[in-house]
C-alpha atoms as a PDB file:
ATOM      1  CA  MET A   1      89.383  97.140-105.149  1.00  0.00           C
ATOM      2  CA  PRO A   2      92.495  97.628-102.968  1.00  0.00           C
ATOM      3  CA  LEU A   3      95.827  97.701-104.714  1.00  0.00           C
ATOM      4  CA  ASN A   4      98.181  94.893-103.762  1.00  0.00           C
ATOM      5  CA  PRO A   5     101.701  96.109-104.612  1.00  0.00           C
ATOM      6  CA  LYS A   6     103.268  92.728-103.775  1.00  0.00           C
ATOM      7  CA  SER A   7     101.218  90.979-106.476  1.00  0.00           C
ATOM      8  CA  LEU A   8     102.236  93.707-108.936  1.00  0.00           C
ATOM      9  CA  GLU A   9     105.928  93.077-108.281  1.00  0.00           C
ATOM     10  CA  MET A  10     105.602  89.362-108.997  1.00  0.00           C
ATOM     11  CA  SER A  11     103.569  89.539-112.189  1.00  0.00           C
ATOM     12  CA  LEU A  12     105.080  90.291-115.592  1.00  0.00           C
ATOM     13  CA  GLU A  13     108.394  91.344-114.066  1.00  0.00           C
ATOM     14  CA  ILE A  14     107.351  94.946-113.673  1.00  0.00           C
ATOM     15  CA  GLU A  15     109.798  97.647-112.764  1.00  0.00           C
ATOM     16  CA  PRO A  16     110.896  97.997-109.148  1.00  0.00           C
ATOM     17  CA  ILE A  17     110.362 101.381-107.508  1.00  0.00           C
ATOM     18  CA  LYS A  18     113.426 103.595-108.050  1.00  0.00           C
ATOM     19  CA  SER A  19     112.167 106.639-106.191  1.00  0.00           C
ATOM     20  CA  ARG A  20     113.739 107.700-102.925  1.00  0.00           C
ATOM     21  CA  SER A  21     110.974 110.234-102.256  1.00  0.00           C
ATOM     22  CA  TYR A  22     107.935 107.974-102.694  1.00  0.00           C
ATOM     23  CA  THR A  23     107.065 104.512-101.402  1.00  0.00           C
ATOM     24  CA  MET A  24     105.874 101.712-103.651  1.00  0.00           C
ATOM     25  CA  GLU A  25     102.327 102.219-102.317  1.00  0.00           C
ATOM     26  CA  GLN A  26     102.471 105.938-103.135  1.00  0.00           C
ATOM     27  CA  VAL A  27     103.768 105.339-106.665  1.00  0.00           C
ATOM     28  CA  ASP A  28     101.186 102.629-107.320  1.00  0.00           C
ATOM     29  CA  GLY A  29      98.414 104.812-105.883  1.00  0.00           C
ATOM     30  CA  ALA A  30      99.515 107.714-108.079  1.00  0.00           C
ATOM     31  CA  LEU A  31      99.618 105.456-111.144  1.00  0.00           C
ATOM     32  CA  LEU A  32      96.112 104.187-110.323  1.00  0.00           C
ATOM     33  CA  ALA A  33      94.891 107.789-110.016  1.00  0.00           C
ATOM     34  CA  LEU A  34      96.543 108.480-113.372  1.00  0.00           C
ATOM     35  CA  CYS A  35      94.611 105.549-114.882  1.00  0.00           C
ATOM     36  CA  VAL A  36      91.332 106.807-113.447  1.00  0.00           C
ATOM     37  CA  ASN A  37      92.017 110.234-114.970  1.00  0.00           C
ATOM     38  CA  GLY A  38      92.670 108.779-118.409  1.00  0.00           C
ATOM     39  CA  GLY A  39      96.403 109.490-118.239  1.00  0.00           C
ATOM     40  CA  ASN A  40      95.884 113.215-117.532  1.00  0.00           C
ATOM     41  CA  SER A  41      98.923 113.985-115.383  1.00  0.00           C
ATOM     42  CA  ILE A  42      97.931 117.612-114.635  1.00  0.00           C
ATOM     43  CA  GLN A  43      94.524 116.618-113.273  1.00  0.00           C
ATOM     44  CA  THR A  44      96.057 113.710-111.352  1.00  0.00           C
ATOM     45  CA  ALA A  45      98.716 115.943-109.768  1.00  0.00           C
ATOM     46  CA  LYS A  46      95.996 118.353-108.580  1.00  0.00           C
ATOM     47  CA  GLN A  47      93.936 115.513-107.091  1.00  0.00           C
ATOM     48  CA  LEU A  48      96.931 113.966-105.376  1.00  0.00           C
ATOM     49  CA  LYS A  49      97.934 117.325-103.921  1.00  0.00           C
ATOM     50  CA  GLU A  50      94.417 117.726-102.483  1.00  0.00           C
ATOM     51  CA  ARG A  51      94.940 114.352-100.777  1.00  0.00           C
ATOM     52  CA  GLY A  52      98.306 115.331 -99.354  1.00  0.00           C
ATOM     53  CA  MET A  53     100.696 113.853-101.935  1.00  0.00           C
ATOM     54  CA  ASP A  54     102.682 116.532-103.720  1.00  0.00           C
ATOM     55  CA  VAL A  55     103.981 115.112-107.002  1.00  0.00           C
ATOM     56  CA  ALA A  56     104.616 117.127-110.163  1.00  0.00           C
ATOM     57  CA  SER A  57     102.632 116.353-113.322  1.00  0.00           C
ATOM     58  CA  SER A  58     105.932 115.952-115.211  1.00  0.00           C
ATOM     59  CA  THR A  59     106.973 113.278-112.684  1.00  0.00           C
ATOM     60  CA  LEU A  60     103.692 111.455-113.235  1.00  0.00           C
ATOM     61  CA  ARG A  61     104.268 111.537-117.014  1.00  0.00           C
ATOM     62  CA  GLU A  62     107.796 110.175-116.555  1.00  0.00           C
ATOM     63  CA  TRP A  63     106.524 107.406-114.296  1.00  0.00           C
ATOM     64  CA  LYS A  64     103.868 106.445-116.834  1.00  0.00           C
ATOM     65  CA  LEU A  65     106.012 106.635-119.969  1.00  0.00           C
ATOM     66  CA  TYR A  66     109.595 105.896-118.892  1.00  0.00           C
ATOM     67  CA  ASP A  67     110.092 104.758-115.307  1.00  0.00           C
ATOM     68  CA  TYR A  68     107.120 102.431-114.762  1.00  0.00           C
ATOM     69  CA  PRO A  69     105.267 101.722-118.039  1.00  0.00           C
ATOM     70  CA  LYS A  70     104.816  98.014-117.265  1.00  0.00           C
ATOM     71  CA  ARG A  71     103.629  98.812-113.741  1.00  0.00           C
ATOM     72  CA  TYR A  72     101.175 101.385-115.167  1.00  0.00           C
ATOM     73  CA  ALA A  73      99.875  98.841-117.708  1.00  0.00           C
ATOM     74  CA  GLN A  74      99.525  96.192-114.989  1.00  0.00           C
ATOM     75  CA  ILE A  75      97.569  98.547-112.709  1.00  0.00           C
ATOM     76  CA  HIS A  76      95.399  99.563-115.630  1.00  0.00           C
ATOM     77  CA  SER A  77      94.649  95.977-116.525  1.00  0.00           C
ATOM     78  CA  GLN A  78      93.988  94.907-112.910  1.00  0.00           C
ATOM     79  CA  HIS A  79      91.490  97.711-112.461  1.00  0.00           C
ATOM     80  CA  PHE A  80      89.974  97.563-115.933  1.00  0.00           C
ATOM     81  CA  SER A  81      86.394  96.853-114.847  1.00  0.00           C
ATOM     82  CA  ALA A  82      86.439  99.618-112.209  1.00  0.00           C
ATOM     83  CA  LEU A  83      87.947 102.020-114.755  1.00  0.00           C
ATOM     84  CA  GLU A  84      85.307 101.026-117.286  1.00  0.00           C
ATOM     85  CA  ASP A  85      82.566 101.618-114.711  1.00  0.00           C
ATOM     86  CA  THR A  86      83.988 105.105-114.124  1.00  0.00           C
ATOM     87  CA  LEU A  87      84.057 105.733-117.868  1.00  0.00           C
ATOM     88  CA  VAL A  88      80.442 104.624-118.278  1.00  0.00           C
ATOM     89  CA  ARG A  89      79.340 106.795-115.353  1.00  0.00           C
ATOM     90  CA  ASN A  90      81.229 109.799-116.772  1.00  0.00           C
ATOM     91  CA  GLU A  91      79.749 109.264-120.240  1.00  0.00           C
ATOM     92  CA  ARG A  92      76.224 109.076-118.805  1.00  0.00           C
ATOM     93  CA  GLU A  93      76.778 112.335-116.923  1.00  0.00           C
ATOM     94  CA  LEU A  94      78.300 113.936-120.025  1.00  0.00           C
ATOM     95  CA  ALA A  95      75.379 112.790-122.180  1.00  0.00           C
ATOM     96  CA  LEU A  96      72.859 114.133-119.680  1.00  0.00           C
ATOM     97  CA  ALA A  97      74.629 117.506-119.383  1.00  0.00           C
ATOM     98  CA  ALA A  98      74.973 117.781-123.170  1.00  0.00           C
ATOM     99  CA  SER A  99      71.328 116.821-123.622  1.00  0.00           C
ATOM    100  CA  GLN A 100      70.199 119.500-121.162  1.00  0.00           C
ATOM    101  CA  ALA A 101      72.401 122.108-122.866  1.00  0.00           C
ATOM    102  CA  SER A 102      71.047 121.031-126.266  1.00  0.00           C
ATOM    103  CA  LEU A 103      67.481 121.510-125.039  1.00  0.00           C
ATOM    104  CA  LYS A 104      68.339 125.047-123.920  1.00  0.00           C
ATOM    105  CA  ALA A 105      70.030 125.745-127.267  1.00  0.00           C
ATOM    106  CA  VAL A 106      67.032 124.443-129.206  1.00  0.00           C
ATOM    107  CA  GLN A 107      64.677 126.644-127.167  1.00  0.00           C
ATOM    108  CA  LYS A 108      66.937 129.688-127.686  1.00  0.00           C
ATOM    109  CA  ALA A 109      67.171 129.007-131.438  1.00  0.00           C
ATOM    110  CA  SER A 110      63.400 128.696-131.618  1.00  0.00           C
ATOM    111  CA  GLU A 111      62.989 132.065-129.877  1.00  0.00           C
ATOM    112  CA  GLN A 112      65.518 133.667-132.221  1.00  0.00           C
ATOM    113  CA  ILE A 113      63.686 132.305-135.261  1.00  0.00           C
ATOM    114  CA  ASP A 114      60.397 133.718-133.929  1.00  0.00           C
ATOM    115  CA  GLN A 115      62.077 137.109-133.428  1.00  0.00           C
ATOM    116  CA  GLY A 116      63.670 137.039-136.882  1.00  0.00           C
ATOM    117  CA  ILE A 117      67.194 137.097-135.421  1.00  0.00           C
ATOM    118  CA  GLN A 118      68.368 133.756-136.741  1.00  0.00           C
ATOM    119  CA  ASP A 119      68.317 132.372-140.258  1.00  0.00           C
ATOM    120  CA  PRO A 120      65.603 129.651-140.247  1.00  0.00           C
ATOM    121  CA  ALA A 121      67.419 127.494-142.815  1.00  0.00           C
ATOM    122  CA  ARG A 122      70.657 127.476-140.834  1.00  0.00           C
ATOM    123  CA  ALA A 123      68.781 126.817-137.583  1.00  0.00           C
ATOM    124  CA  ALA A 124      66.793 124.005-139.225  1.00  0.00           C
ATOM    125  CA  GLN A 125      70.000 122.354-140.385  1.00  0.00           C
ATOM    126  CA  ALA A 126      71.624 122.608-136.938  1.00  0.00           C
ATOM    127  CA  LEU A 127      68.477 121.405-135.166  1.00  0.00           C
ATOM    128  CA  ALA A 128      68.067 118.485-137.568  1.00  0.00           C
ATOM    129  CA  THR A 129      71.664 117.463-136.887  1.00  0.00           C
ATOM    130  CA  THR A 130      71.076 117.704-133.133  1.00  0.00           C
ATOM    131  CA  ALA A 131      67.878 115.669-133.436  1.00  0.00           C
ATOM    132  CA  GLY A 132      69.634 112.992-135.498  1.00  0.00           C
ATOM    133  CA  ILE A 133      72.511 112.652-133.053  1.00  0.00           C
ATOM    134  CA  ALA A 134      70.153 112.592-130.078  1.00  0.00           C
ATOM    135  CA  THR A 135      68.030 109.897-131.722  1.00  0.00           C
ATOM    136  CA  ASP A 136      71.093 107.797-132.511  1.00  0.00           C
ATOM    137  CA  LYS A 137      72.370 108.067-128.941  1.00  0.00           C
ATOM    138  CA  LEU A 138      68.939 107.259-127.510  1.00  0.00           C
ATOM    139  CA  LEU A 139      68.721 104.136-129.661  1.00  0.00           C
ATOM    140  CA  THR A 140      72.236 103.113-128.624  1.00  0.00           C
ATOM    141  CA  LEU A 141      71.594 103.678-124.914  1.00  0.00           C
ATOM    142  CA  THR A 142      68.353 101.703-125.015  1.00  0.00           C
ATOM    143  CA  GLY A 143      69.918  98.783-126.870  1.00  0.00           C
ATOM    144  CA  ARG A 144      68.007  99.271-130.100  1.00  0.00           C
ATOM    145  CA  PRO A 145      69.570  99.027-133.555  1.00  0.00           C
ATOM    146  CA  THR A 146      71.085 102.195-134.987  1.00  0.00           C
ATOM    147  CA  ALA A 147      71.741 100.908-138.498  1.00  0.00           C
ATOM    148  CA  THR A 148      70.067  98.716-141.081  1.00  0.00           C
ATOM    149  CA  ILE A 149      72.251  96.168-142.784  1.00  0.00           C
ATOM    150  CA  GLN A 150      70.873  94.564-145.891  1.00  0.00           C
ATOM    151  CA  HIS A 151      72.440  91.775-147.884  1.00  0.00           C
ATOM    152  CA  VAL A 152      71.202  91.863-151.469  1.00  0.00           C
ATOM    153  CA  ASP A 153      71.549  89.299-154.232  1.00  0.00           C
ATOM    154  CA  SER A 154      71.607  90.981-157.656  1.00  0.00           C
ATOM    155  CA  GLU A 155      69.941  87.964-159.284  1.00  0.00           C
ATOM    156  CA  ALA A 156      67.080  88.163-156.757  1.00  0.00           C
ATOM    157  CA  ILE A 157      66.585  91.839-157.593  1.00  0.00           C
ATOM    158  CA  LEU A 158      66.392  91.067-161.303  1.00  0.00           C
ATOM    159  CA  ARG A 159      63.862  88.265-160.649  1.00  0.00           C
ATOM    160  CA  LYS A 160      61.809  90.538-158.365  1.00  0.00           C
ATOM    161  CA  TYR A 161      61.401  93.192-161.034  1.00  0.00           C
ATOM    162  CA  GLY A 162      61.047  90.782-163.933  1.00  0.00           C
ATOM    163  CA  GLY A 163      64.324  91.722-165.494  1.00  0.00           C
ATOM    164  CA  HIS A 164      66.649  89.371-167.236  1.00  0.00           C
ATOM    165  CA  LEU A 165      69.763  89.673-169.331  1.00  0.00           C
ATOM    166  CA  GLU A 166      70.016  87.794-172.566  1.00  0.00           C
ATOM    167  CA  GLY A 167      72.399  87.805-175.459  1.00  0.00           C
ATOM    168  CA  THR A 168      76.025  88.621-175.618  1.00  0.00           C
ATOM    169  CA  ALA A 169      77.940  91.818-175.276  1.00  0.00           C
ATOM    170  CA  ARG A 170      79.514  93.346-178.319  1.00  0.00           C
ATOM    171  CA  GLU A 171      82.366  95.771-178.450  1.00  0.00           C
ATOM    172  CA  LEU A 172      81.525  99.284-179.497  1.00  0.00           C
ATOM    173  CA  THR A 173      83.793 100.971-181.955  1.00  0.00           C
ATOM    174  CA  SER A 174      85.220 104.357-181.245  1.00  0.00           C
ATOM    175  CA  GLU A 175      83.692 105.703-184.471  1.00  0.00           C
ATOM    176  CA  PRO A 176      80.079 106.857-184.160  1.00  0.00           C
ATOM    177  CA  THR A 177      77.740 104.870-186.382  1.00  0.00           C
ATOM    178  CA  ALA A 178      75.128 107.599-186.502  1.00  0.00           C
ATOM    179  CA  THR A 179      75.022 111.353-186.193  1.00  0.00           C
ATOM    180  CA  PRO A 180      73.026 112.951-183.381  1.00  0.00           C
ATOM    181  CA  GLY A 181      70.395 113.992-185.906  1.00  0.00           C
ATOM    182  CA  GLN A 182      69.989 110.408-187.126  1.00  0.00           C
ATOM    183  CA  LEU A 183      69.640 109.176-183.545  1.00  0.00           C
ATOM    184  CA  LEU A 184      66.824 111.632-182.882  1.00  0.00           C
ATOM    185  CA  THR A 185      65.038 110.645-186.086  1.00  0.00           C
ATOM    186  CA  GLU A 186      65.395 106.914-185.279  1.00  0.00           C
ATOM    187  CA  SER A 187      64.209 107.516-181.723  1.00  0.00           C
ATOM    188  CA  ASP A 188      61.134 109.397-182.933  1.00  0.00           C
ATOM    189  CA  ASP A 189      60.346 106.609-185.415  1.00  0.00           C
ATOM    190  CA  THR A 190      60.663 103.966-182.676  1.00  0.00           C
ATOM    191  CA  ASN A 191      58.354 105.902-180.336  1.00  0.00           C
ATOM    192  CA  ALA A 192      55.828 106.369-183.086  1.00  0.00           C
ATOM    193  CA  HIS A 193      55.483 102.581-183.533  1.00  0.00           C
ATOM    194  CA  GLU A 194      54.913 101.913-179.813  1.00  0.00           C
END
């Protein structure tokens, strides 16, 4: 989506360009590149330099935070869907690369276990964690539920298991009414009658 600097100037009373070295189009283009790079001014400065625009990363930070924060926010919001598409694409690539690296790590751990190099318990714990995370991410990416939410009614549980509460509560005194020996004797007598 091409950037229209004129529409930026008119909306939300964003800051006018103060720079004598850069045009409005250059500043807006640099701010858009900064958005695409998640605010990383060092990476953005490198990319801009490769494209023929030499601007320091500190200048980019100043533009974002102090000189043109409203302009930066406006550009970000105008290009939100394109930025989100980039984020999704990056996350897919990251997930694929991490998954491939995890497969290599699992194979290496398996070899080390077979050779007696690695502690099987520690490897099992790490591999189980990897498997759990991978399963969770797979379920998320395929649109399947990753959690079970259950709403439980305590009365329904009591009815289900045949339990019921009758009587009234009574306050217990702080003084014991029986010694431990008496409790054992009473308990044995009760069990004998059952």
